[in-house]
Amino acid sequence: EAFLLGTRVVVFDRVRNRPEEQLRYGATVAS
């Protein structure tokens, strides 16, 4: 759906996913 409708697809994701990092690091623009 994103690629069908969008002129741009922005991916949000957490670049740090270890349990001890979950609180202190949020999602950012991964792509």
All heavy atoms as atom14 arrays in JSON, in Angstrom:
{
  "sequence": "EAFLLGTRVVVFDRVRNRPEEQLRYGATVAS",
  "atom14_mask": [
    [1, 1, 1, 1, 1, 1, 1, 1, 1, 0, 0, 0, 0, 0],
    [1, 1, 1, 1, 1, 0, 0, 0, 0, 0, 0, 0, 0, 0],
    [1, 1, 1, 1, 1, 1, 1, 1, 1, 1, 1, 0, 0, 0],
    [1, 1, 1, 1, 1, 1, 1, 1, 0, 0, 0, 0, 0, 0],
    [1, 1, 1, 1, 1, 1, 1, 1, 0, 0, 0, 0, 0, 0],
    [1, 1, 1, 1, 0, 0, 0, 0, 0, 0, 0, 0, 0, 0],
    [1, 1, 1, 1, 1, 1, 1, 0, 0, 0, 0, 0, 0, 0],
    [1, 1, 1, 1, 1, 1, 1, 1, 1, 1, 1, 0, 0, 0],
    [1, 1, 1, 1, 1, 1, 1, 0, 0, 0, 0, 0, 0, 0],
    [1, 1, 1, 1, 1, 1, 1, 0, 0, 0, 0, 0, 0, 0],
    [1, 1, 1, 1, 1, 1, 1, 0, 0, 0, 0, 0, 0, 0],
    [1, 1, 1, 1, 1, 1, 1, 1, 1, 1, 1, 0, 0, 0],
    [1, 1, 1, 1, 1, 1, 1, 1, 0, 0, 0, 0, 0, 0],
    [1, 1, 1, 1, 1, 1, 1, 1, 1, 1, 1, 0, 0, 0],
    [1, 1, 1, 1, 1, 1, 1, 0, 0, 0, 0, 0, 0, 0],
    [1, 1, 1, 1, 1, 1, 1, 1, 1, 1, 1, 0, 0, 0],
    [1, 1, 1, 1, 1, 1, 1, 1, 0, 0, 0, 0, 0, 0],
    [1, 1, 1, 1, 1, 1, 1, 1, 1, 1, 1, 0, 0, 0],
    [1, 1, 1, 1, 1, 1, 1, 0, 0, 0, 0, 0, 0, 0],
    [1, 1, 1, 1, 1, 1, 1, 1, 1, 0, 0, 0, 0, 0],
    [1, 1, 1, 1, 1, 1, 1, 1, 1, 0, 0, 0, 0, 0],
    [1, 1, 1, 1, 1, 1, 1, 1, 1, 0, 0, 0, 0, 0],
    [1, 1, 1, 1, 1, 1, 1, 1, 0, 0, 0, 0, 0, 0],
    [1, 1, 1, 1, 1, 1, 1, 1, 1, 1, 1, 0, 0, 0],
    [1, 1, 1, 1, 1, 1, 1, 1, 1, 1, 1, 1, 0, 0],
    [1, 1, 1, 1, 0, 0, 0, 0, 0, 0, 0, 0, 0, 0],
    [1, 1, 1, 1, 1, 0, 0, 0, 0, 0, 0, 0, 0, 0],
    [1, 1, 1, 1, 1, 1, 1, 0, 0, 0, 0, 0, 0, 0],
    [1, 1, 1, 1, 1, 1, 1, 0, 0, 0, 0, 0, 0, 0],
    [1, 1, 1, 1, 1, 0, 0, 0, 0, 0, 0, 0, 0, 0],
    [1, 1, 1, 1, 1, 1, 0, 0, 0, 0, 0, 0, 0, 0]
  ],
  "atom14_positions": [
    [[0.84, -1.2, 0.0], [0.0, 0.0, 0.0], [0.87, 1.25, 0.0], [0.6, 2.23, -0.71], [-0.9, -0.03, 1.22], [-1.83, 1.16, 1.37], [-2.78, 0.97, 2.54], [-2.36, 1.21, 3.7], [-3.93, 0.57, 2.3], [0.0, 0.0, 0.0], [0.0, 0.0, 0.0], [0.0, 0.0, 0.0], [0.0, 0.0, 0.0], [0.0, 0.0, 0.0]],
    [[1.93, 1.24, 0.79], [2.82, 2.39, 0.9], [3.45, 2.72, -0.46], [3.47, 3.88, -0.88], [3.91, 2.11, 1.94], [0.0, 0.0, 0.0], [0.0, 0.0, 0.0], [0.0, 0.0, 0.0], [0.0, 0.0, 0.0], [0.0, 0.0, 0.0], [0.0, 0.0, 0.0], [0.0, 0.0, 0.0], [0.0, 0.0, 0.0], [0.0, 0.0, 0.0]],
    [[3.96, 1.7, -1.15], [4.62, 1.94, -2.43], [3.62, 2.19, -3.55], [3.95, 2.83, -4.55], [5.55, 0.78, -2.78], [6.86, 0.81, -2.04], [7.04, 0.06, -0.9], [7.89, 1.62, -2.47], [8.24, 0.1, -0.2], [9.09, 1.68, -1.78], [9.27, 0.91, -0.65], [0.0, 0.0, 0.0], [0.0, 0.0, 0.0], [0.0, 0.0, 0.0]],
    [[2.4, 1.69, -3.39], [1.37, 1.92, -4.41], [0.86, 3.35, -4.39], [0.67, 3.97, -5.44], [0.2, 0.96, -4.17], [-0.99, 1.07, -5.12], [-0.59, 0.64, -6.52], [-2.16, 0.22, -4.61], [0.0, 0.0, 0.0], [0.0, 0.0, 0.0], [0.0, 0.0, 0.0], [0.0, 0.0, 0.0], [0.0, 0.0, 0.0], [0.0, 0.0, 0.0]],
    [[0.68, 3.91, -3.18], [0.07, 5.23, -3.06], [1.09, 6.35, -2.87], [0.86, 7.48, -3.31], [-0.91, 5.24, -1.88], [-2.16, 4.37, -2.01], [-2.99, 4.44, -0.74], [-3.0, 4.79, -3.21], [0.0, 0.0, 0.0], [0.0, 0.0, 0.0], [0.0, 0.0, 0.0], [0.0, 0.0, 0.0], [0.0, 0.0, 0.0], [0.0, 0.0, 0.0]],
    [[2.18, 6.07, -2.19], [3.09, 7.14, -1.79], [4.02, 7.63, -2.88], [4.42, 6.86, -3.77], [0.0, 0.0, 0.0], [0.0, 0.0, 0.0], [0.0, 0.0, 0.0], [0.0, 0.0, 0.0], [0.0, 0.0, 0.0], [0.0, 0.0, 0.0], [0.0, 0.0, 0.0], [0.0, 0.0, 0.0], [0.0, 0.0, 0.0], [0.0, 0.0, 0.0]],
    [[4.38, 8.91, -2.81], [5.47, 9.44, -3.63], [6.79, 9.25, -2.89], [7.86, 9.35, -3.48], [5.27, 10.93, -3.93], [5.13, 11.65, -2.7], [4.04, 11.15, -4.77], [0.0, 0.0, 0.0], [0.0, 0.0, 0.0], [0.0, 0.0, 0.0], [0.0, 0.0, 0.0], [0.0, 0.0, 0.0], [0.0, 0.0, 0.0], [0.0, 0.0, 0.0]],
    [[6.67, 9.02, -1.57], [7.84, 8.74, -0.76], [7.44, 7.81, 0.38], [6.36, 7.94, 0.95], [8.43, 10.03, -0.18], [9.81, 9.84, 0.44], [10.29, 11.08, 1.14], [10.32, 12.25, 0.26], [10.56, 13.48, 0.7], [10.77, 13.7, 1.99], [10.58, 14.5, -0.14], [0.0, 0.0, 0.0], [0.0, 0.0, 0.0], [0.0, 0.0, 0.0]],
    [[8.29, 6.84, 0.68], [8.05, 5.91, 1.77], [9.12, 6.15, 2.83], [10.31, 6.06, 2.56], [8.09, 4.44, 1.29], [7.92, 3.48, 2.48], [7.0, 4.19, 0.26], [0.0, 0.0, 0.0], [0.0, 0.0, 0.0], [0.0, 0.0, 0.0], [0.0, 0.0, 0.0], [0.0, 0.0, 0.0], [0.0, 0.0, 0.0], [0.0, 0.0, 0.0]],
    [[8.67, 6.48, 4.04], [9.57, 6.77, 5.15], [9.44, 5.65, 6.17], [8.33, 5.34, 6.63], [9.22, 8.13, 5.81], [10.1, 8.37, 7.03], [9.37, 9.26, 4.8], [0.0, 0.0, 0.0], [0.0, 0.0, 0.0], [0.0, 0.0, 0.0], [0.0, 0.0, 0.0], [0.0, 0.0, 0.0], [0.0, 0.0, 0.0], [0.0, 0.0, 0.0]],
    [[10.56, 5.03, 6.5], [10.58, 3.89, 7.43], [11.05, 4.35, 8.79], [12.16, 4.87, 8.93], [11.5, 2.76, 6.9], [11.46, 1.57, 7.86], [11.09, 2.34, 5.5], [0.0, 0.0, 0.0], [0.0, 0.0, 0.0], [0.0, 0.0, 0.0], [0.0, 0.0, 0.0], [0.0, 0.0, 0.0], [0.0, 0.0, 0.0], [0.0, 0.0, 0.0]],
    [[10.2, 4.17, 9.81], [10.59, 4.41, 11.2], [11.02, 3.08, 11.81], [10.35, 2.06, 11.65], [9.41, 4.94, 12.02], [9.11, 6.4, 11.84], [9.65, 7.12, 10.79], [8.25, 7.06, 12.71], [9.37, 8.46, 10.62], [7.95, 8.4, 12.54], [8.51, 9.1, 11.5], [0.0, 0.0, 0.0], [0.0, 0.0, 0.0], [0.0, 0.0, 0.0]],
    [[12.14, 3.09, 12.52], [12.58, 1.86, 13.18], [13.57, 2.22, 14.29], [14.18, 3.3, 14.27], [13.25, 0.92, 12.18], [13.22, -0.53, 12.66], [12.69, -0.8, 13.77], [13.74, -1.4, 11.93], [0.0, 0.0, 0.0], [0.0, 0.0, 0.0], [0.0, 0.0, 0.0], [0.0, 0.0, 0.0], [0.0, 0.0, 0.0], [0.0, 0.0, 0.0]],
    [[13.7, 1.3, 15.22], [14.68, 1.45, 16.29], [16.0, 0.86, 15.81], [16.05, -0.32, 15.45], [14.23, 0.74, 17.56], [13.0, 1.36, 18.21], [12.57, 0.55, 19.43], [11.41, 1.13, 20.06], [11.44, 2.06, 21.0], [12.62, 2.51, 21.43], [10.34, 2.55, 21.52], [0.0, 0.0, 0.0], [0.0, 0.0, 0.0], [0.0, 0.0, 0.0]],
    [[17.05, 1.67, 15.82], [18.34, 1.17, 15.36], [19.04, 0.39, 16.47], [19.99, -0.33, 16.22], [19.23, 2.31, 14.86], [18.63, 2.92, 13.61], [19.42, 3.38, 15.93], [0.0, 0.0, 0.0], [0.0, 0.0, 0.0], [0.0, 0.0, 0.0], [0.0, 0.0, 0.0], [0.0, 0.0, 0.0], [0.0, 0.0, 0.0], [0.0, 0.0, 0.0]],
    [[18.56, 0.56, 17.7], [19.13, -0.18, 18.85], [17.99, -0.95, 19.5], [17.05, -0.36, 20.01], [19.78, 0.77, 19.85], [20.87, 1.65, 19.26], [21.36, 2.64, 20.32], [22.39, 3.53, 19.83], [22.14, 4.7, 19.23], [20.89, 5.08, 19.06], [23.13, 5.47, 18.81], [0.0, 0.0, 0.0], [0.0, 0.0, 0.0], [0.0, 0.0, 0.0]],
    [[18.08, -2.26, 19.51], [16.96, -3.08, 19.96], [17.29, -4.01, 21.12], [16.45, -4.84, 21.49], [16.41, -3.91, 18.79], [15.39, -3.12, 17.99], [14.5, -2.49, 18.56], [15.54, -3.13, 16.68], [0.0, 0.0, 0.0], [0.0, 0.0, 0.0], [0.0, 0.0, 0.0], [0.0, 0.0, 0.0], [0.0, 0.0, 0.0], [0.0, 0.0, 0.0]],
    [[18.49, -3.9, 21.69], [18.78, -4.77, 22.84], [17.89, -4.36, 24.01], [17.55, -3.19, 24.15], [20.26, -4.66, 23.22], [21.21, -5.23, 22.17], [22.56, -5.57, 22.8], [23.18, -4.42, 23.43], [24.07, -3.62, 22.82], [24.41, -3.86, 21.57], [24.59, -2.59, 23.45], [0.0, 0.0, 0.0], [0.0, 0.0, 0.0], [0.0, 0.0, 0.0]],
    [[17.48, -5.31, 24.87], [16.56, -4.99, 25.97], [17.01, -3.82, 26.81], [16.19, -2.98, 27.21], [16.53, -6.29, 26.78], [16.84, -7.36, 25.78], [17.81, -6.75, 24.82], [0.0, 0.0, 0.0], [0.0, 0.0, 0.0], [0.0, 0.0, 0.0], [0.0, 0.0, 0.0], [0.0, 0.0, 0.0], [0.0, 0.0, 0.0], [0.0, 0.0, 0.0]],
    [[18.3, -3.72, 27.07], [18.77, -2.62, 27.93], [18.74, -1.27, 27.21], [18.94, -0.22, 27.83], [20.2, -2.92, 28.42], [21.28, -2.97, 27.33], [21.44, -4.35, 26.72], [20.51, -5.19, 26.86], [22.5, -4.6, 26.13], [0.0, 0.0, 0.0], [0.0, 0.0, 0.0], [0.0, 0.0, 0.0], [0.0, 0.0, 0.0], [0.0, 0.0, 0.0]],
    [[18.51, -1.28, 25.89], [18.47, -0.04, 25.12], [17.05, 0.44, 24.82], [16.86, 1.54, 24.3], [19.21, -0.22, 23.79], [20.69, -0.53, 23.95], [21.34, -0.85, 22.62], [20.65, -1.4, 21.72], [22.54, -0.57, 22.48], [0.0, 0.0, 0.0], [0.0, 0.0, 0.0], [0.0, 0.0, 0.0], [0.0, 0.0, 0.0], [0.0, 0.0, 0.0]],
    [[16.05, -0.39, 25.14], [14.68, -0.09, 24.75], [14.17, 1.24, 25.3], [13.44, 1.96, 24.63], [13.75, -1.22, 25.19], [13.93, -2.52, 24.41], [13.53, -2.37, 22.95], [12.48, -1.83, 22.65], [14.37, -2.82, 22.05], [0.0, 0.0, 0.0], [0.0, 0.0, 0.0], [0.0, 0.0, 0.0], [0.0, 0.0, 0.0], [0.0, 0.0, 0.0]],
    [[14.52, 1.57, 26.55], [14.01, 2.78, 27.15], [14.7, 4.03, 26.62], [14.06, 5.05, 26.35], [14.17, 2.74, 28.67], [13.1, 2.0, 29.48], [13.47, 2.01, 30.95], [11.73, 2.66, 29.29], [0.0, 0.0, 0.0], [0.0, 0.0, 0.0], [0.0, 0.0, 0.0], [0.0, 0.0, 0.0], [0.0, 0.0, 0.0], [0.0, 0.0, 0.0]],
    [[16.02, 3.96, 26.47], [16.8, 5.17, 26.21], [16.97, 5.51, 24.74], [17.48, 6.57, 24.41], [18.19, 5.04, 26.87], [18.17, 5.02, 28.38], [17.36, 6.17, 28.97], [17.75, 7.48, 28.48], [16.97, 8.54, 28.49], [15.74, 8.46, 28.92], [17.41, 9.7, 28.04], [0.0, 0.0, 0.0], [0.0, 0.0, 0.0], [0.0, 0.0, 0.0]],
    [[16.58, 4.62, 23.84], [16.73, 4.9, 22.42], [15.4, 4.67, 21.71], [14.79, 3.61, 21.83], [17.82, 4.01, 21.8], [19.19, 4.27, 22.38], [19.71, 3.44, 23.36], [19.95, 5.36, 21.96], [20.96, 3.68, 23.91], [21.2, 5.61, 22.5], [21.7, 4.76, 23.47], [22.94, 5.01, 24.01], [0.0, 0.0, 0.0], [0.0, 0.0, 0.0]],
    [[14.95, 5.68, 20.99], [13.67, 5.59, 20.29], [13.86, 5.28, 18.82], [14.97, 5.09, 18.32], [0.0, 0.0, 0.0], [0.0, 0.0, 0.0], [0.0, 0.0, 0.0], [0.0, 0.0, 0.0], [0.0, 0.0, 0.0], [0.0, 0.0, 0.0], [0.0, 0.0, 0.0], [0.0, 0.0, 0.0], [0.0, 0.0, 0.0], [0.0, 0.0, 0.0]],
    [[12.74, 5.26, 18.11], [12.77, 5.04, 16.67], [13.21, 6.31, 15.96], [12.98, 7.42, 16.44], [11.4, 4.6, 16.18], [0.0, 0.0, 0.0], [0.0, 0.0, 0.0], [0.0, 0.0, 0.0], [0.0, 0.0, 0.0], [0.0, 0.0, 0.0], [0.0, 0.0, 0.0], [0.0, 0.0, 0.0], [0.0, 0.0, 0.0], [0.0, 0.0, 0.0]],
    [[13.82, 6.13, 14.81], [14.24, 7.25, 13.99], [13.95, 6.91, 12.53], [13.4, 5.86, 12.22], [15.73, 7.57, 14.22], [16.05, 8.81, 13.59], [16.63, 6.46, 13.68], [0.0, 0.0, 0.0], [0.0, 0.0, 0.0], [0.0, 0.0, 0.0], [0.0, 0.0, 0.0], [0.0, 0.0, 0.0], [0.0, 0.0, 0.0], [0.0, 0.0, 0.0]],
    [[14.31, 7.8, 11.61], [14.1, 7.52, 10.19], [15.2, 6.58, 9.71], [16.35, 6.99, 9.55], [14.1, 8.83, 9.37], [13.97, 8.52, 7.88], [12.97, 9.75, 9.82], [0.0, 0.0, 0.0], [0.0, 0.0, 0.0], [0.0, 0.0, 0.0], [0.0, 0.0, 0.0], [0.0, 0.0, 0.0], [0.0, 0.0, 0.0], [0.0, 0.0, 0.0]],
    [[14.82, 5.32, 9.5], [15.79, 4.32, 9.06], [15.99, 4.36, 7.55], [17.08, 4.06, 7.06], [15.33, 2.93, 9.5], [0.0, 0.0, 0.0], [0.0, 0.0, 0.0], [0.0, 0.0, 0.0], [0.0, 0.0, 0.0], [0.0, 0.0, 0.0], [0.0, 0.0, 0.0], [0.0, 0.0, 0.0], [0.0, 0.0, 0.0], [0.0, 0.0, 0.0]],
    [[14.93, 4.71, 6.81], [15.02, 4.82, 5.35], [14.05, 5.89, 4.87], [12.99, 6.09, 5.47], [14.67, 3.48, 4.66], [15.59, 2.47, 5.01], [0.0, 0.0, 0.0], [0.0, 0.0, 0.0], [0.0, 0.0, 0.0], [0.0, 0.0, 0.0], [0.0, 0.0, 0.0], [0.0, 0.0, 0.0], [0.0, 0.0, 0.0], [0.0, 0.0, 0.0]]
  ]
}
